[in-house]
Amino acid sequence: MGQIHLADNLDVLAGVDDDSVDLVYIDPPFNTGRRQKRTRTRSVRDDEGGHTGFQGRRYRTEVTSISAYEDEFDDFLGFLSPRLEEARRVLRPTGAFFLHIDFREAHYCKVELDRIFGRASFQNEIIWAYDYGGRSKRKWPAKHDTIFWYVMDPADYTFHFDEMDRIPYMAPGLVEEEKATRGKTPTDVWWHTIVSPTGRERTGYATQKPLGVLERIIRVHSNPGDLVLDFFAGSGTTGEAAARHGRDFLLVDSSPEAVQVMARRLAPYDPELVGFEAEGNEATATDPLV
C-alpha cells in the first residue's frame, strides 16, 4: 500500500523513476522565520492538581510530547527549487502537482513553478481559508493558505468532477429543494477548519493539515491504484487520505519524530518503513545516509 522514508527527500527523489508518480502534494516549511512548536498534554488525576473537573475531582496537566522544528531559510527558493524540479521529473504525463504554502513565499513560488512547469500548466490558485487562532490588532489577521495546482499536460489530466464533496448552500431556501439537498460545487476558495487541538484527528505534530483538504485533492485528482507522493510528509495526512481511497503512497521526511508519527498513524495500512525502525515512541535510523 505504501512506503515511509526517513531521509533527505532529494536522496529519495533521485531513486524514483521518471514518469512514475500520478500525484504530488507537498506542504514544505513556510519560511516563517520562527520555531514551529506544538505541545501535547493530558489531564491526570491529582488531589493537589491545579484545576477541577467532574464531581469536584482535581487534575493536573502533564506534558506528553513536544513537536518542534526551525522554520527559517537564508535562501528558501534555493532549497525548494531542486525539489520542484524532481517533482516534475517523476510525474506521469497525466499527473498533477500541488504546492501548499502561505503568504510569505507564495508569490516567489508561483514564479518558480511557472518556470519549471510552464505557465500553461498552471490550473488554479486554491485558497484554503479557516477561522481559528489569534487576531492581530495591527493588521488584517492572516487566516488562509495558498495551494497551487499545476498539471503536466493542460489538455490531458485527471479531474473527477463527480468525486467532489459538495458543500451546503448558505441560503438553501433560495434554491430548489433538490439543489439544496445535493449541495453546490466547491470553488477555488475552500473553507475548512484546521485540525482541532482536542479532536480525534490530531497527532500532536506541528503544522498538521486537515484530512478533509487532502481527501478532496486525492479523490478528484487521482484514480484508485495511483501512486501519491509527499516528500515533506510531516504527520502523514497525505498518506492516510491516499490509503483511505485506495491509492498507494510514498512519504518522505527527514525528521525522526515525523516518521514515527506517520508509522503509528498509518500502521493499519502496514506501510514499508525505509531507513528507520519504529520502536516505541522513537524512530531509529538504519540507513547510514540518514
C-alpha atoms as a PDB file:
ATOM      1  CA  MET A   1       0.000   0.000   0.000  1.00  0.00           C
ATOM      2  CA  GLY A   2       2.819   2.444   0.715  1.00  0.00           C
ATOM      3  CA  GLN A   3       6.257   3.418   1.975  1.00  0.00           C
ATOM      4  CA  ILE A   4       7.551   5.822   4.613  1.00  0.00           C
ATOM      5  CA  HIS A   5      11.160   7.021   4.280  1.00  0.00           C
ATOM      6  CA  LEU A   6      13.337   8.702   6.881  1.00  0.00           C
ATOM      7  CA  ALA A   7      15.807  10.554   4.660  1.00  0.00           C
ATOM      8  CA  ASP A   8      16.644  13.762   2.855  1.00  0.00           C
ATOM      9  CA  ASN A   9      13.936  13.973   0.216  1.00  0.00           C
ATOM     10  CA  LEU A  10      16.422  14.757  -2.571  1.00  0.00           C
ATOM     11  CA  ASP A  11      18.131  11.435  -1.921  1.00  0.00           C
ATOM     12  CA  VAL A  12      14.837   9.557  -2.181  1.00  0.00           C
ATOM     13  CA  LEU A  13      13.633  11.509  -5.208  1.00  0.00           C
ATOM     14  CA  ALA A  14      16.830  10.657  -7.060  1.00  0.00           C
ATOM     15  CA  GLY A  15      15.821   6.999  -6.867  1.00  0.00           C
ATOM     16  CA  VAL A  16      12.265   7.499  -8.154  1.00  0.00           C
ATOM     17  CA  ASP A  17      11.775   6.636 -11.825  1.00  0.00           C
ATOM     18  CA  ASP A  18      10.810   9.219 -14.417  1.00  0.00           C
ATOM     19  CA  ASP A  19       7.073   9.383 -15.197  1.00  0.00           C
ATOM     20  CA  SER A  20       6.145   7.051 -12.334  1.00  0.00           C
ATOM     21  CA  VAL A  21       4.046   9.179  -9.950  1.00  0.00           C
ATOM     22  CA  ASP A  22       0.429  10.199 -10.537  1.00  0.00           C
ATOM     23  CA  LEU A  23       0.012  12.940  -7.943  1.00  0.00           C
ATOM     24  CA  VAL A  24       2.460  15.022  -5.915  1.00  0.00           C
ATOM     25  CA  TYR A  25       1.325  17.115  -2.968  1.00  0.00           C
ATOM     26  CA  ILE A  26       3.844  18.890  -0.764  1.00  0.00           C
ATOM     27  CA  ASP A  27       3.480  21.112   2.262  1.00  0.00           C
ATOM     28  CA  PRO A  28       7.062  22.325   2.814  1.00  0.00           C
ATOM     29  CA  PRO A  29       8.238  24.579   5.637  1.00  0.00           C
ATOM     30  CA  PHE A  30       6.762  28.047   5.116  1.00  0.00           C
ATOM     31  CA  ASN A  31       9.909  30.021   5.986  1.00  0.00           C
ATOM     32  CA  THR A  32       8.078  31.822   8.784  1.00  0.00           C
ATOM     33  CA  GLY A  33      11.335  32.800  10.463  1.00  0.00           C
ATOM     34  CA  ARG A  34      10.313  31.229  13.759  1.00  0.00           C
ATOM     35  CA  ARG A  35      10.294  27.895  15.552  1.00  0.00           C
ATOM     36  CA  GLN A  36       7.187  25.823  14.850  1.00  0.00           C
ATOM     37  CA  LYS A  37       6.131  24.082  18.040  1.00  0.00           C
ATOM     38  CA  ARG A  38       3.204  22.060  19.361  1.00  0.00           C
ATOM     39  CA  THR A  39       2.904  20.592  22.827  1.00  0.00           C
ATOM     40  CA  ARG A  40       0.748  17.559  23.606  1.00  0.00           C
ATOM     41  CA  THR A  41      -0.724  17.291  27.089  1.00  0.00           C
ATOM     42  CA  ARG A  42      -3.059  15.108  29.085  1.00  0.00           C
ATOM     43  CA  SER A  43      -5.007  15.518  32.330  1.00  0.00           C
ATOM     44  CA  VAL A  44      -4.054  13.275  35.227  1.00  0.00           C
ATOM     45  CA  ARG A  45      -5.989  12.738  38.494  1.00  0.00           C
ATOM     46  CA  ASP A  46      -4.164  14.512  41.287  1.00  0.00           C
ATOM     47  CA  ASP A  47      -5.700  15.656  44.581  1.00  0.00           C
ATOM     48  CA  GLU A  48      -3.258  18.554  44.568  1.00  0.00           C
ATOM     49  CA  GLY A  49      -3.892  19.392  40.918  1.00  0.00           C
ATOM     50  CA  GLY A  50      -4.437  22.881  39.622  1.00  0.00           C
ATOM     51  CA  HIS A  51      -7.892  22.505  38.053  1.00  0.00           C
ATOM     52  CA  THR A  52     -11.194  20.949  38.998  1.00  0.00           C
ATOM     53  CA  GLY A  53     -13.253  18.592  36.837  1.00  0.00           C
ATOM     54  CA  PHE A  54     -16.362  16.428  37.109  1.00  0.00           C
ATOM     55  CA  GLN A  55     -17.734  15.951  40.652  1.00  0.00           C
ATOM     56  CA  GLY A  56     -15.033  18.192  42.079  1.00  0.00           C
ATOM     57  CA  ARG A  57     -12.158  15.879  41.188  1.00  0.00           C
ATOM     58  CA  ARG A  58      -8.760  17.549  40.949  1.00  0.00           C
ATOM     59  CA  TYR A  59      -6.455  17.198  37.941  1.00  0.00           C
ATOM     60  CA  ARG A  60      -3.029  18.329  36.852  1.00  0.00           C
ATOM     61  CA  THR A  61      -1.802  18.851  33.301  1.00  0.00           C
ATOM     62  CA  GLU A  62       1.077  16.659  32.158  1.00  0.00           C
ATOM     63  CA  VAL A  63       3.159  17.272  29.012  1.00  0.00           C
ATOM     64  CA  THR A  64       3.409  14.060  26.968  1.00  0.00           C
ATOM     65  CA  SER A  65       5.458  15.290  23.991  1.00  0.00           C
ATOM     66  CA  ILE A  66       6.722  18.401  22.215  1.00  0.00           C
ATOM     67  CA  SER A  67       6.879  18.672  18.421  1.00  0.00           C
ATOM     68  CA  ALA A  68       9.091  21.405  17.001  1.00  0.00           C
ATOM     69  CA  TYR A  69      11.354  22.429  14.122  1.00  0.00           C
ATOM     70  CA  GLU A  70      13.153  25.558  12.970  1.00  0.00           C
ATOM     71  CA  ASP A  71      11.376  27.213  10.029  1.00  0.00           C
ATOM     72  CA  GLU A  72      13.897  29.684   8.664  1.00  0.00           C
ATOM     73  CA  PHE A  73      15.958  29.622   5.461  1.00  0.00           C
ATOM     74  CA  ASP A  74      18.593  32.028   4.148  1.00  0.00           C
ATOM     75  CA  ASP A  75      17.650  31.011   0.578  1.00  0.00           C
ATOM     76  CA  PHE A  76      14.226  29.378   0.585  1.00  0.00           C
ATOM     77  CA  LEU A  77      13.874  29.061  -3.197  1.00  0.00           C
ATOM     78  CA  GLY A  78      17.415  27.741  -3.431  1.00  0.00           C
ATOM     79  CA  PHE A  79      16.335  24.980  -1.065  1.00  0.00           C
ATOM     80  CA  LEU A  80      12.949  24.311  -2.706  1.00  0.00           C
ATOM     81  CA  SER A  81      13.697  24.625  -6.442  1.00  0.00           C
ATOM     82  CA  PRO A  82      15.727  21.408  -6.930  1.00  0.00           C
ATOM     83  CA  ARG A  83      12.917  19.510  -5.224  1.00  0.00           C
ATOM     84  CA  LEU A  84      10.322  21.086  -7.502  1.00  0.00           C
ATOM     85  CA  GLU A  85      12.428  20.068 -10.494  1.00  0.00           C
ATOM     86  CA  GLU A  86      12.486  16.494  -9.232  1.00  0.00           C
ATOM     87  CA  ALA A  87       8.729  16.543  -8.674  1.00  0.00           C
ATOM     88  CA  ARG A  88       8.175  17.432 -12.310  1.00  0.00           C
ATOM     89  CA  ARG A  89      10.571  14.735 -13.481  1.00  0.00           C
ATOM     90  CA  VAL A  90       8.829  11.911 -11.625  1.00  0.00           C
ATOM     91  CA  LEU A  91       5.262  12.867 -12.611  1.00  0.00           C
ATOM     92  CA  ARG A  92       3.417  10.904 -15.273  1.00  0.00           C
ATOM     93  CA  PRO A  93       2.218  12.784 -18.398  1.00  0.00           C
ATOM     94  CA  THR A  94      -1.296  12.952 -16.886  1.00  0.00           C
ATOM     95  CA  GLY A  95      -0.006  13.822 -13.404  1.00  0.00           C
ATOM     96  CA  ALA A  96      -0.731  16.769 -11.131  1.00  0.00           C
ATOM     97  CA  PHE A  97       1.338  18.772  -8.691  1.00  0.00           C
ATOM     98  CA  PHE A  98       0.124  20.678  -5.614  1.00  0.00           C
ATOM     99  CA  LEU A  99       2.231  23.071  -3.551  1.00  0.00           C
ATOM    100  CA  HIS A 100       0.794  24.190  -0.205  1.00  0.00           C
ATOM    101  CA  ILE A 101       2.367  27.422   1.039  1.00  0.00           C
ATOM    102  CA  ASP A 102       1.425  30.637   2.838  1.00  0.00           C
ATOM    103  CA  PHE A 103       1.515  34.337   2.021  1.00  0.00           C
ATOM    104  CA  ARG A 104       5.200  34.837   2.876  1.00  0.00           C
ATOM    105  CA  GLU A 105       6.565  32.842  -0.076  1.00  0.00           C
ATOM    106  CA  ALA A 106       3.552  32.207  -2.341  1.00  0.00           C
ATOM    107  CA  HIS A 107       4.377  34.846  -4.949  1.00  0.00           C
ATOM    108  CA  TYR A 108       8.002  33.739  -5.265  1.00  0.00           C
ATOM    109  CA  CYS A 109       6.927  30.095  -5.524  1.00  0.00           C
ATOM    110  CA  LYS A 110       4.373  30.881  -8.241  1.00  0.00           C
ATOM    111  CA  VAL A 111       7.050  32.460 -10.447  1.00  0.00           C
ATOM    112  CA  GLU A 112       9.365  29.491  -9.877  1.00  0.00           C
ATOM    113  CA  LEU A 113       6.609  26.973 -10.636  1.00  0.00           C
ATOM    114  CA  ASP A 114       5.781  28.830 -13.854  1.00  0.00           C
ATOM    115  CA  ARG A 115       9.419  28.464 -14.850  1.00  0.00           C
ATOM    116  CA  ILE A 116       9.605  24.752 -14.039  1.00  0.00           C
ATOM    117  CA  PHE A 117       6.186  23.534 -15.228  1.00  0.00           C
ATOM    118  CA  GLY A 118       5.358  26.273 -17.743  1.00  0.00           C
ATOM    119  CA  ARG A 119       2.679  28.925 -17.320  1.00  0.00           C
ATOM    120  CA  ALA A 120       0.253  26.939 -19.466  1.00  0.00           C
ATOM    121  CA  SER A 121       0.379  24.121 -16.892  1.00  0.00           C
ATOM    122  CA  PHE A 122      -0.978  26.326 -14.118  1.00  0.00           C
ATOM    123  CA  GLN A 123      -4.611  25.463 -13.344  1.00  0.00           C
ATOM    124  CA  ASN A 124      -5.660  27.027 -10.048  1.00  0.00           C
ATOM    125  CA  GLU A 125      -4.613  29.079  -7.086  1.00  0.00           C
ATOM    126  CA  ILE A 126      -6.696  27.472  -4.343  1.00  0.00           C
ATOM    127  CA  ILE A 127      -7.249  29.385  -1.131  1.00  0.00           C
ATOM    128  CA  TRP A 128      -7.698  27.287   1.994  1.00  0.00           C
ATOM    129  CA  ALA A 129      -9.496  29.599   4.408  1.00  0.00           C
ATOM    130  CA  TYR A 130     -10.058  28.894   8.084  1.00  0.00           C
ATOM    131  CA  ASP A 131     -11.159  30.852  11.125  1.00  0.00           C
ATOM    132  CA  TYR A 132      -9.110  29.869  14.124  1.00  0.00           C
ATOM    133  CA  GLY A 133      -6.351  31.274  16.302  1.00  0.00           C
ATOM    134  CA  GLY A 134      -5.300  34.728  17.377  1.00  0.00           C
ATOM    135  CA  ARG A 135      -6.345  38.000  15.761  1.00  0.00           C
ATOM    136  CA  SER A 136      -3.891  40.818  15.257  1.00  0.00           C
ATOM    137  CA  LYS A 137      -4.903  44.346  16.229  1.00  0.00           C
ATOM    138  CA  ARG A 138      -2.322  45.875  13.884  1.00  0.00           C
ATOM    139  CA  LYS A 139      -3.337  44.314  10.552  1.00  0.00           C
ATOM    140  CA  TRP A 140      -5.961  42.064   8.961  1.00  0.00           C
ATOM    141  CA  PRO A 141      -5.463  38.651  10.612  1.00  0.00           C
ATOM    142  CA  ALA A 142      -3.991  36.068   8.217  1.00  0.00           C
ATOM    143  CA  LYS A 143      -6.454  33.158   8.009  1.00  0.00           C
ATOM    144  CA  HIS A 144      -5.627  31.392   4.767  1.00  0.00           C
ATOM    145  CA  ASP A 145      -3.007  29.320   2.965  1.00  0.00           C
ATOM    146  CA  THR A 146      -2.414  29.047  -0.784  1.00  0.00           C
ATOM    147  CA  ILE A 147      -2.357  25.787  -2.761  1.00  0.00           C
ATOM    148  CA  PHE A 148      -1.012  25.991  -6.329  1.00  0.00           C
ATOM    149  CA  TRP A 149      -2.193  23.310  -8.767  1.00  0.00           C
ATOM    150  CA  TYR A 150      -0.148  22.500 -11.881  1.00  0.00           C
ATOM    151  CA  VAL A 151      -0.556  19.713 -14.448  1.00  0.00           C
ATOM    152  CA  MET A 152       1.929  18.119 -16.795  1.00  0.00           C
ATOM    153  CA  ASP A 153      -0.378  18.344 -19.822  1.00  0.00           C
ATOM    154  CA  PRO A 154      -3.102  21.048 -19.827  1.00  0.00           C
ATOM    155  CA  ALA A 155      -5.009  19.008 -22.438  1.00  0.00           C
ATOM    156  CA  ASP A 156      -4.917  15.671 -20.593  1.00  0.00           C
ATOM    157  CA  TYR A 157      -5.051  15.423 -16.811  1.00  0.00           C
ATOM    158  CA  THR A 158      -7.044  13.655 -14.114  1.00  0.00           C
ATOM    159  CA  PHE A 159     -10.026  15.582 -12.775  1.00  0.00           C
ATOM    160  CA  HIS A 160     -13.042  13.692 -11.399  1.00  0.00           C
ATOM    161  CA  PHE A 161     -15.762  16.306 -11.055  1.00  0.00           C
ATOM    162  CA  ASP A 162     -18.257  13.794  -9.627  1.00  0.00           C
ATOM    163  CA  GLU A 163     -15.852  12.899  -6.798  1.00  0.00           C
ATOM    164  CA  MET A 164     -16.061  16.392  -5.303  1.00  0.00           C
ATOM    165  CA  ASP A 165     -17.571  16.635  -1.860  1.00  0.00           C
ATOM    166  CA  ARG A 166     -20.483  19.044  -2.132  1.00  0.00           C
ATOM    167  CA  ILE A 167     -20.881  21.992   0.236  1.00  0.00           C
ATOM    168  CA  PRO A 168     -24.103  23.421   1.705  1.00  0.00           C
ATOM    169  CA  TYR A 169     -25.803  26.471   0.224  1.00  0.00           C
ATOM    170  CA  MET A 170     -25.562  29.469   2.533  1.00  0.00           C
ATOM    171  CA  ALA A 171     -29.198  30.298   1.776  1.00  0.00           C
ATOM    172  CA  PRO A 172     -30.806  26.908   0.950  1.00  0.00           C
ATOM    173  CA  GLY A 173     -34.271  28.430   0.924  1.00  0.00           C
ATOM    174  CA  LEU A 174     -33.406  30.405  -2.217  1.00  0.00           C
ATOM    175  CA  VAL A 175     -32.745  27.320  -4.373  1.00  0.00           C
ATOM    176  CA  GLU A 176     -34.767  24.282  -5.378  1.00  0.00           C
ATOM    177  CA  GLU A 177     -35.087  21.569  -2.745  1.00  0.00           C
ATOM    178  CA  GLU A 178     -33.136  19.102  -4.910  1.00  0.00           C
ATOM    179  CA  LYS A 179     -30.237  21.532  -5.236  1.00  0.00           C
ATOM    180  CA  ALA A 180     -30.278  22.319  -1.536  1.00  0.00           C
ATOM    181  CA  THR A 181     -30.142  18.605  -0.706  1.00  0.00           C
ATOM    182  CA  ARG A 182     -27.328  17.922  -3.171  1.00  0.00           C
ATOM    183  CA  GLY A 183     -25.242  20.946  -2.197  1.00  0.00           C
ATOM    184  CA  LYS A 184     -23.106  23.028  -4.504  1.00  0.00           C
ATOM    185  CA  THR A 185     -19.762  22.598  -6.212  1.00  0.00           C
ATOM    186  CA  PRO A 186     -16.750  23.913  -4.265  1.00  0.00           C
ATOM    187  CA  THR A 187     -14.909  26.859  -5.789  1.00  0.00           C
ATOM    188  CA  ASP A 188     -11.223  27.746  -5.560  1.00  0.00           C
ATOM    189  CA  VAL A 189     -11.849  29.023  -2.020  1.00  0.00           C
ATOM    190  CA  TRP A 190     -12.021  26.098   0.391  1.00  0.00           C
ATOM    191  CA  TRP A 191     -13.486  26.845   3.808  1.00  0.00           C
ATOM    192  CA  HIS A 192     -12.285  24.109   6.160  1.00  0.00           C
ATOM    193  CA  THR A 193     -11.389  24.292   9.825  1.00  0.00           C
ATOM    194  CA  ILE A 194      -7.880  23.477  10.988  1.00  0.00           C
ATOM    195  CA  VAL A 195      -7.152  20.267  12.877  1.00  0.00           C
ATOM    196  CA  SER A 196      -8.798  20.760  16.260  1.00  0.00           C
ATOM    197  CA  PRO A 197      -6.317  20.818  19.168  1.00  0.00           C
ATOM    198  CA  THR A 198      -8.697  18.477  21.014  1.00  0.00           C
ATOM    199  CA  GLY A 199     -10.026  16.449  18.061  1.00  0.00           C
ATOM    200  CA  ARG A 200      -9.509  12.761  17.335  1.00  0.00           C
ATOM    201  CA  GLU A 201      -7.670  13.598  14.107  1.00  0.00           C
ATOM    202  CA  ARG A 202      -4.894  15.415  15.959  1.00  0.00           C
ATOM    203  CA  THR A 203      -1.497  13.697  16.035  1.00  0.00           C
ATOM    204  CA  GLY A 204       0.286  16.410  18.009  1.00  0.00           C
ATOM    205  CA  TYR A 205       2.578  17.200  15.070  1.00  0.00           C
ATOM    206  CA  ALA A 206       3.198  20.902  14.455  1.00  0.00           C
ATOM    207  CA  THR A 207       1.618  22.216  11.211  1.00  0.00           C
ATOM    208  CA  GLN A 208      -0.598  19.124  10.704  1.00  0.00           C
ATOM    209  CA  LYS A 209      -3.056  19.716   7.844  1.00  0.00           C
ATOM    210  CA  PRO A 210      -6.708  18.567   7.864  1.00  0.00           C
ATOM    211  CA  LEU A 211      -7.583  15.216   6.364  1.00  0.00           C
ATOM    212  CA  GLY A 212     -10.588  16.733   4.575  1.00  0.00           C
ATOM    213  CA  VAL A 213      -8.396  19.026   2.462  1.00  0.00           C
ATOM    214  CA  LEU A 214      -6.154  16.162   1.324  1.00  0.00           C
ATOM    215  CA  GLU A 215      -9.079  13.812   0.683  1.00  0.00           C
ATOM    216  CA  ARG A 216     -10.628  16.371  -1.673  1.00  0.00           C
ATOM    217  CA  ILE A 217      -7.383  16.663  -3.648  1.00  0.00           C
ATOM    218  CA  ILE A 218      -6.763  12.932  -3.847  1.00  0.00           C
ATOM    219  CA  ARG A 219     -10.307  11.909  -4.771  1.00  0.00           C
ATOM    220  CA  VAL A 220     -10.605  14.478  -7.571  1.00  0.00           C
ATOM    221  CA  HIS A 221      -7.066  14.423  -8.960  1.00  0.00           C
ATOM    222  CA  SER A 222      -6.107  10.728  -8.884  1.00  0.00           C
ATOM    223  CA  ASN A 223      -7.513   7.256  -9.518  1.00  0.00           C
ATOM    224  CA  PRO A 224      -7.680   4.148  -7.317  1.00  0.00           C
ATOM    225  CA  GLY A 225      -4.342   2.364  -7.532  1.00  0.00           C
ATOM    226  CA  ASP A 226      -2.420   5.552  -8.398  1.00  0.00           C
ATOM    227  CA  LEU A 227       0.800   6.482  -6.631  1.00  0.00           C
ATOM    228  CA  VAL A 228       0.684   9.627  -4.478  1.00  0.00           C
ATOM    229  CA  LEU A 229       3.958  11.244  -3.398  1.00  0.00           C
ATOM    230  CA  ASP A 230       4.513  13.651  -0.496  1.00  0.00           C
ATOM    231  CA  PHE A 231       8.165  14.391   0.236  1.00  0.00           C
ATOM    232  CA  PHE A 232       7.518  16.835   3.084  1.00  0.00           C
ATOM    233  CA  ALA A 233       5.171  14.357   4.672  1.00  0.00           C
ATOM    234  CA  GLY A 234       5.094  15.625   8.255  1.00  0.00           C
ATOM    235  CA  SER A 235       2.272  13.935  10.155  1.00  0.00           C
ATOM    236  CA  GLY A 236       1.304  11.695   7.214  1.00  0.00           C
ATOM    237  CA  THR A 237      -2.063  13.239   6.315  1.00  0.00           C
ATOM    238  CA  THR A 238      -1.397  12.667   2.610  1.00  0.00           C
ATOM    239  CA  GLY A 239      -0.696   9.000   3.252  1.00  0.00           C
ATOM    240  CA  GLU A 240      -3.877   8.478   5.250  1.00  0.00           C
ATOM    241  CA  ALA A 241      -6.005  10.254   2.643  1.00  0.00           C
ATOM    242  CA  ALA A 242      -4.426   8.162  -0.127  1.00  0.00           C
ATOM    243  CA  ALA A 243      -4.829   4.867   1.739  1.00  0.00           C
ATOM    244  CA  ARG A 244      -8.446   5.593   2.649  1.00  0.00           C
ATOM    245  CA  HIS A 245      -9.282   5.929  -1.035  1.00  0.00           C
ATOM    246  CA  GLY A 246      -7.287   3.028  -2.432  1.00  0.00           C
ATOM    247  CA  ARG A 247      -4.195   4.874  -3.605  1.00  0.00           C
ATOM    248  CA  ASP A 248      -0.583   3.882  -2.966  1.00  0.00           C
ATOM    249  CA  PHE A 249       1.607   6.384  -1.143  1.00  0.00           C
ATOM    250  CA  LEU A 250       5.275   7.303  -0.928  1.00  0.00           C
ATOM    251  CA  LEU A 251       6.035   9.535   2.057  1.00  0.00           C
ATOM    252  CA  VAL A 252       9.382  11.129   2.896  1.00  0.00           C
ATOM    253  CA  ASP A 253      10.547  13.244   5.808  1.00  0.00           C
ATOM    254  CA  SER A 254      13.937  13.965   7.355  1.00  0.00           C
ATOM    255  CA  SER A 255      12.536  14.236  10.882  1.00  0.00           C
ATOM    256  CA  PRO A 256      12.627  11.068  13.018  1.00  0.00           C
ATOM    257  CA  GLU A 257       9.733  12.476  15.016  1.00  0.00           C
ATOM    258  CA  ALA A 258       7.641  12.938  11.874  1.00  0.00           C
ATOM    259  CA  VAL A 259       8.224   9.432  10.565  1.00  0.00           C
ATOM    260  CA  GLN A 260       7.399   7.979  13.965  1.00  0.00           C
ATOM    261  CA  VAL A 261       4.081   9.860  13.946  1.00  0.00           C
ATOM    262  CA  MET A 262       3.423   8.548  10.424  1.00  0.00           C
ATOM    263  CA  ALA A 263       4.346   4.997  11.360  1.00  0.00           C
ATOM    264  CA  ARG A 264       1.844   4.996  14.218  1.00  0.00           C
ATOM    265  CA  ARG A 265      -0.864   6.745  12.235  1.00  0.00           C
ATOM    266  CA  LEU A 266      -0.580   4.524   9.172  1.00  0.00           C
ATOM    267  CA  ALA A 267       0.072   1.242  10.959  1.00  0.00           C
ATOM    268  CA  PRO A 268      -3.387  -0.136   9.928  1.00  0.00           C
ATOM    269  CA  TYR A 269      -2.210   0.044   6.290  1.00  0.00           C
ATOM    270  CA  ASP A 270       1.057  -1.810   7.017  1.00  0.00           C
ATOM    271  CA  PRO A 271       3.435   0.529   5.159  1.00  0.00           C
ATOM    272  CA  GLU A 272       7.027  -0.409   4.406  1.00  0.00           C
ATOM    273  CA  LEU A 273       9.403   1.524   6.669  1.00  0.00           C
ATOM    274  CA  VAL A 274      12.596   2.560   4.898  1.00  0.00           C
ATOM    275  CA  GLY A 275      15.649   3.965   6.660  1.00  0.00           C
ATOM    276  CA  PHE A 276      14.270   3.512  10.180  1.00  0.00           C
ATOM    277  CA  GLU A 277      12.667   1.119  12.575  1.00  0.00           C
ATOM    278  CA  ALA A 278       9.599   2.092  14.599  1.00  0.00           C
ATOM    279  CA  GLU A 279      10.366   1.304  18.227  1.00  0.00           C
ATOM    280  CA  GLY A 280       8.061   2.528  20.987  1.00  0.00           C
ATOM    281  CA  ASN A 281       7.920   6.306  20.768  1.00  0.00           C
ATOM    282  CA  GLU A 282      11.136   6.783  18.791  1.00  0.00           C
ATOM    283  CA  ALA A 283      12.284   6.277  15.222  1.00  0.00           C
ATOM    284  CA  THR A 284      15.703   4.682  14.892  1.00  0.00           C
ATOM    285  CA  ALA A 285      17.656   5.331  11.709  1.00  0.00           C
ATOM    286  CA  THR A 286      19.032   2.244   9.939  1.00  0.00           C
ATOM    287  CA  ASP A 287      20.422   3.871   6.776  1.00  0.00           C
ATOM    288  CA  PRO A 288      23.898   5.395   7.213  1.00  0.00           C
ATOM    289  CA  LEU A 289      22.917   8.179   4.782  1.00  0.00           C
ATOM    290  CA  VAL A 290      20.194   9.395   7.156  1.00  0.00           C
END
